[in-house]
Amino acid sequence: MGSSQVVFDSAAMYVTAVDTNKDRLTRVRAIITALYEVAIKAAETGNIQEYQLDSGQTKIKTLYTGAEQVYKSIKAFETLETQLLNKLNGRNFRLMDSKNFIR
């Protein structure tokens, strides 16, 4: 019996194919890692046309016209990562009395 591979047409389809925010966060992080590899190659050669995320079970292939699009995509996915983390953990902050600060 051969192994089956799921091919996604876009990163959005890949991320939304799971139900939990924890699973979405894992997939967003995998995309960010793949995009950083593309950005490194783009910095080296200055010529990038596509990136591919291939985990053996899933495959995403996306075309870009240049390195700037890759950088914008990384920034967008990092924003999404932060939002998903906030949904999972909530936003944390600590209130301090002014007496705790060095004057």
C-alpha atoms as a PDB file:
ATOM      1  CA  MET A   1       0.000   0.000   0.000  1.00  0.00           C
ATOM      2  CA  GLY A   2       1.547   3.351  -1.047  1.00  0.00           C
ATOM      3  CA  SER A   3       1.594   6.477   1.037  1.00  0.00           C
ATOM      4  CA  SER A   4      -0.935   9.130   0.168  1.00  0.00           C
ATOM      5  CA  GLN A   5      -0.099  12.800  -0.032  1.00  0.00           C
ATOM      6  CA  VAL A   6      -2.537  15.684   0.269  1.00  0.00           C
ATOM      7  CA  VAL A   7      -1.816  18.638  -2.028  1.00  0.00           C
ATOM      8  CA  PHE A   8      -3.148  22.071  -1.068  1.00  0.00           C
ATOM      9  CA  ASP A   9      -3.578  24.862  -3.610  1.00  0.00           C
ATOM     10  CA  SER A  10      -2.829  27.550  -1.042  1.00  0.00           C
ATOM     11  CA  ALA A  11      -1.491  28.076   2.453  1.00  0.00           C
ATOM     12  CA  ALA A  12      -4.921  29.354   3.499  1.00  0.00           C
ATOM     13  CA  MET A  13      -6.517  26.023   2.585  1.00  0.00           C
ATOM     14  CA  TYR A  14      -3.749  24.199   4.462  1.00  0.00           C
ATOM     15  CA  VAL A  15      -4.249  26.241   7.641  1.00  0.00           C
ATOM     16  CA  THR A  16      -8.055  26.151   7.623  1.00  0.00           C
ATOM     17  CA  ALA A  17      -8.218  22.399   6.947  1.00  0.00           C
ATOM     18  CA  VAL A  18      -7.866  21.733  10.700  1.00  0.00           C
ATOM     19  CA  ASP A  19     -10.369  22.530  13.420  1.00  0.00           C
ATOM     20  CA  THR A  20      -8.371  23.678  16.441  1.00  0.00           C
ATOM     21  CA  ASN A  21      -6.353  26.850  16.909  1.00  0.00           C
ATOM     22  CA  LYS A  22      -3.474  24.764  18.253  1.00  0.00           C
ATOM     23  CA  ASP A  23      -3.303  22.785  14.997  1.00  0.00           C
ATOM     24  CA  ARG A  24      -3.623  25.998  12.971  1.00  0.00           C
ATOM     25  CA  LEU A  25      -0.740  27.513  14.942  1.00  0.00           C
ATOM     26  CA  THR A  26       1.424  24.476  14.185  1.00  0.00           C
ATOM     27  CA  ARG A  27       0.681  24.795  10.480  1.00  0.00           C
ATOM     28  CA  VAL A  28       1.301  28.555  10.435  1.00  0.00           C
ATOM     29  CA  ARG A  29       4.682  27.983  12.074  1.00  0.00           C
ATOM     30  CA  ALA A  30       5.559  25.355   9.438  1.00  0.00           C
ATOM     31  CA  ILE A  31       4.702  27.866   6.708  1.00  0.00           C
ATOM     32  CA  ILE A  32       6.806  30.578   8.361  1.00  0.00           C
ATOM     33  CA  THR A  33       9.774  28.203   8.544  1.00  0.00           C
ATOM     34  CA  ALA A  34       9.422  27.325   4.857  1.00  0.00           C
ATOM     35  CA  LEU A  35       9.120  31.012   3.936  1.00  0.00           C
ATOM     36  CA  TYR A  36      12.280  31.880   5.879  1.00  0.00           C
ATOM     37  CA  GLU A  37      14.161  29.287   3.832  1.00  0.00           C
ATOM     38  CA  VAL A  38      12.847  30.945   0.672  1.00  0.00           C
ATOM     39  CA  ALA A  39      13.825  34.384   2.002  1.00  0.00           C
ATOM     40  CA  ILE A  40      17.375  33.179   2.627  1.00  0.00           C
ATOM     41  CA  LYS A  41      17.600  31.884  -0.941  1.00  0.00           C
ATOM     42  CA  ALA A  42      16.109  35.149  -2.200  1.00  0.00           C
ATOM     43  CA  ALA A  43      18.721  37.149  -0.307  1.00  0.00           C
ATOM     44  CA  GLU A  44      21.432  35.001  -1.816  1.00  0.00           C
ATOM     45  CA  THR A  45      20.293  34.924  -5.430  1.00  0.00           C
ATOM     46  CA  GLY A  46      17.728  37.733  -5.648  1.00  0.00           C
ATOM     47  CA  ASN A  47      15.543  35.544  -7.825  1.00  0.00           C
ATOM     48  CA  ILE A  48      12.685  33.575  -6.286  1.00  0.00           C
ATOM     49  CA  GLN A  49       9.589  32.386  -8.060  1.00  0.00           C
ATOM     50  CA  GLU A  50       8.037  29.784  -5.788  1.00  0.00           C
ATOM     51  CA  TYR A  51       8.195  28.079  -2.442  1.00  0.00           C
ATOM     52  CA  GLN A  52       7.111  24.619  -1.540  1.00  0.00           C
ATOM     53  CA  LEU A  53       6.162  23.163   1.832  1.00  0.00           C
ATOM     54  CA  ASP A  54       6.446  19.396   1.674  1.00  0.00           C
ATOM     55  CA  SER A  55       6.132  17.442   4.913  1.00  0.00           C
ATOM     56  CA  GLY A  56       5.796  14.074   3.199  1.00  0.00           C
ATOM     57  CA  GLN A  57       2.067  13.969   3.907  1.00  0.00           C
ATOM     58  CA  THR A  58       1.115  17.431   2.687  1.00  0.00           C
ATOM     59  CA  LYS A  59       2.367  19.659  -0.065  1.00  0.00           C
ATOM     60  CA  ILE A  60       1.794  23.367  -0.758  1.00  0.00           C
ATOM     61  CA  LYS A  61       3.243  25.192  -3.723  1.00  0.00           C
ATOM     62  CA  THR A  62       2.936  28.968  -4.053  1.00  0.00           C
ATOM     63  CA  LEU A  63       4.322  31.302  -6.698  1.00  0.00           C
ATOM     64  CA  TYR A  64       5.842  34.709  -5.902  1.00  0.00           C
ATOM     65  CA  THR A  65       6.995  37.392  -8.291  1.00  0.00           C
ATOM     66  CA  GLY A  66       9.870  38.538  -6.105  1.00  0.00           C
ATOM     67  CA  ALA A  67      11.586  38.572  -2.749  1.00  0.00           C
ATOM     68  CA  GLU A  68       9.483  41.496  -1.462  1.00  0.00           C
ATOM     69  CA  GLN A  69       6.336  39.381  -1.731  1.00  0.00           C
ATOM     70  CA  VAL A  70       8.015  36.650   0.308  1.00  0.00           C
ATOM     71  CA  TYR A  71       8.935  39.157   3.050  1.00  0.00           C
ATOM     72  CA  LYS A  72       5.380  40.543   3.136  1.00  0.00           C
ATOM     73  CA  SER A  73       3.996  37.037   3.375  1.00  0.00           C
ATOM     74  CA  ILE A  74       6.314  36.218   6.300  1.00  0.00           C
ATOM     75  CA  LYS A  75       5.154  39.350   8.119  1.00  0.00           C
ATOM     76  CA  ALA A  76       1.496  38.470   7.510  1.00  0.00           C
ATOM     77  CA  PHE A  77       1.942  34.908   8.780  1.00  0.00           C
ATOM     78  CA  GLU A  78       3.836  36.156  11.849  1.00  0.00           C
ATOM     79  CA  THR A  79       0.900  38.468  12.620  1.00  0.00           C
ATOM     80  CA  LEU A  80      -1.448  35.518  12.242  1.00  0.00           C
ATOM     81  CA  GLU A  81       0.796  33.467  14.520  1.00  0.00           C
ATOM     82  CA  THR A  82       0.582  36.157  17.220  1.00  0.00           C
ATOM     83  CA  GLN A  83      -3.201  36.315  16.918  1.00  0.00           C
ATOM     84  CA  LEU A  84      -3.513  32.542  17.248  1.00  0.00           C
ATOM     85  CA  LEU A  85      -1.211  32.567  20.285  1.00  0.00           C
ATOM     86  CA  ASN A  86      -3.350  35.271  21.881  1.00  0.00           C
ATOM     87  CA  LYS A  87      -6.468  33.179  21.290  1.00  0.00           C
ATOM     88  CA  LEU A  88      -4.847  30.166  22.907  1.00  0.00           C
ATOM     89  CA  ASN A  89      -3.142  31.868  25.843  1.00  0.00           C
ATOM     90  CA  GLY A  90      -4.939  35.161  26.211  1.00  0.00           C
ATOM     91  CA  ARG A  91      -3.079  38.390  26.568  1.00  0.00           C
ATOM     92  CA  ASN A  92      -1.045  38.634  29.742  1.00  0.00           C
ATOM     93  CA  PHE A  93       0.009  41.787  31.485  1.00  0.00           C
ATOM     94  CA  ARG A  94       1.164  42.721  34.929  1.00  0.00           C
ATOM     95  CA  LEU A  95       0.090  45.781  36.858  1.00  0.00           C
ATOM     96  CA  MET A  96       2.752  47.382  39.029  1.00  0.00           C
ATOM     97  CA  ASP A  97       2.624  50.098  41.625  1.00  0.00           C
ATOM     98  CA  SER A  98       4.826  53.103  40.910  1.00  0.00           C
ATOM     99  CA  LYS A  99       6.835  52.275  44.063  1.00  0.00           C
ATOM    100  CA  ASN A 100       8.321  49.288  42.190  1.00  0.00           C
ATOM    101  CA  PHE A 101      10.095  51.493  39.647  1.00  0.00           C
ATOM    102  CA  ILE A 102      13.581  52.880  40.200  1.00  0.00           C
ATOM    103  CA  ARG A 103      13.536  56.656  40.338  1.00  0.00           C
END
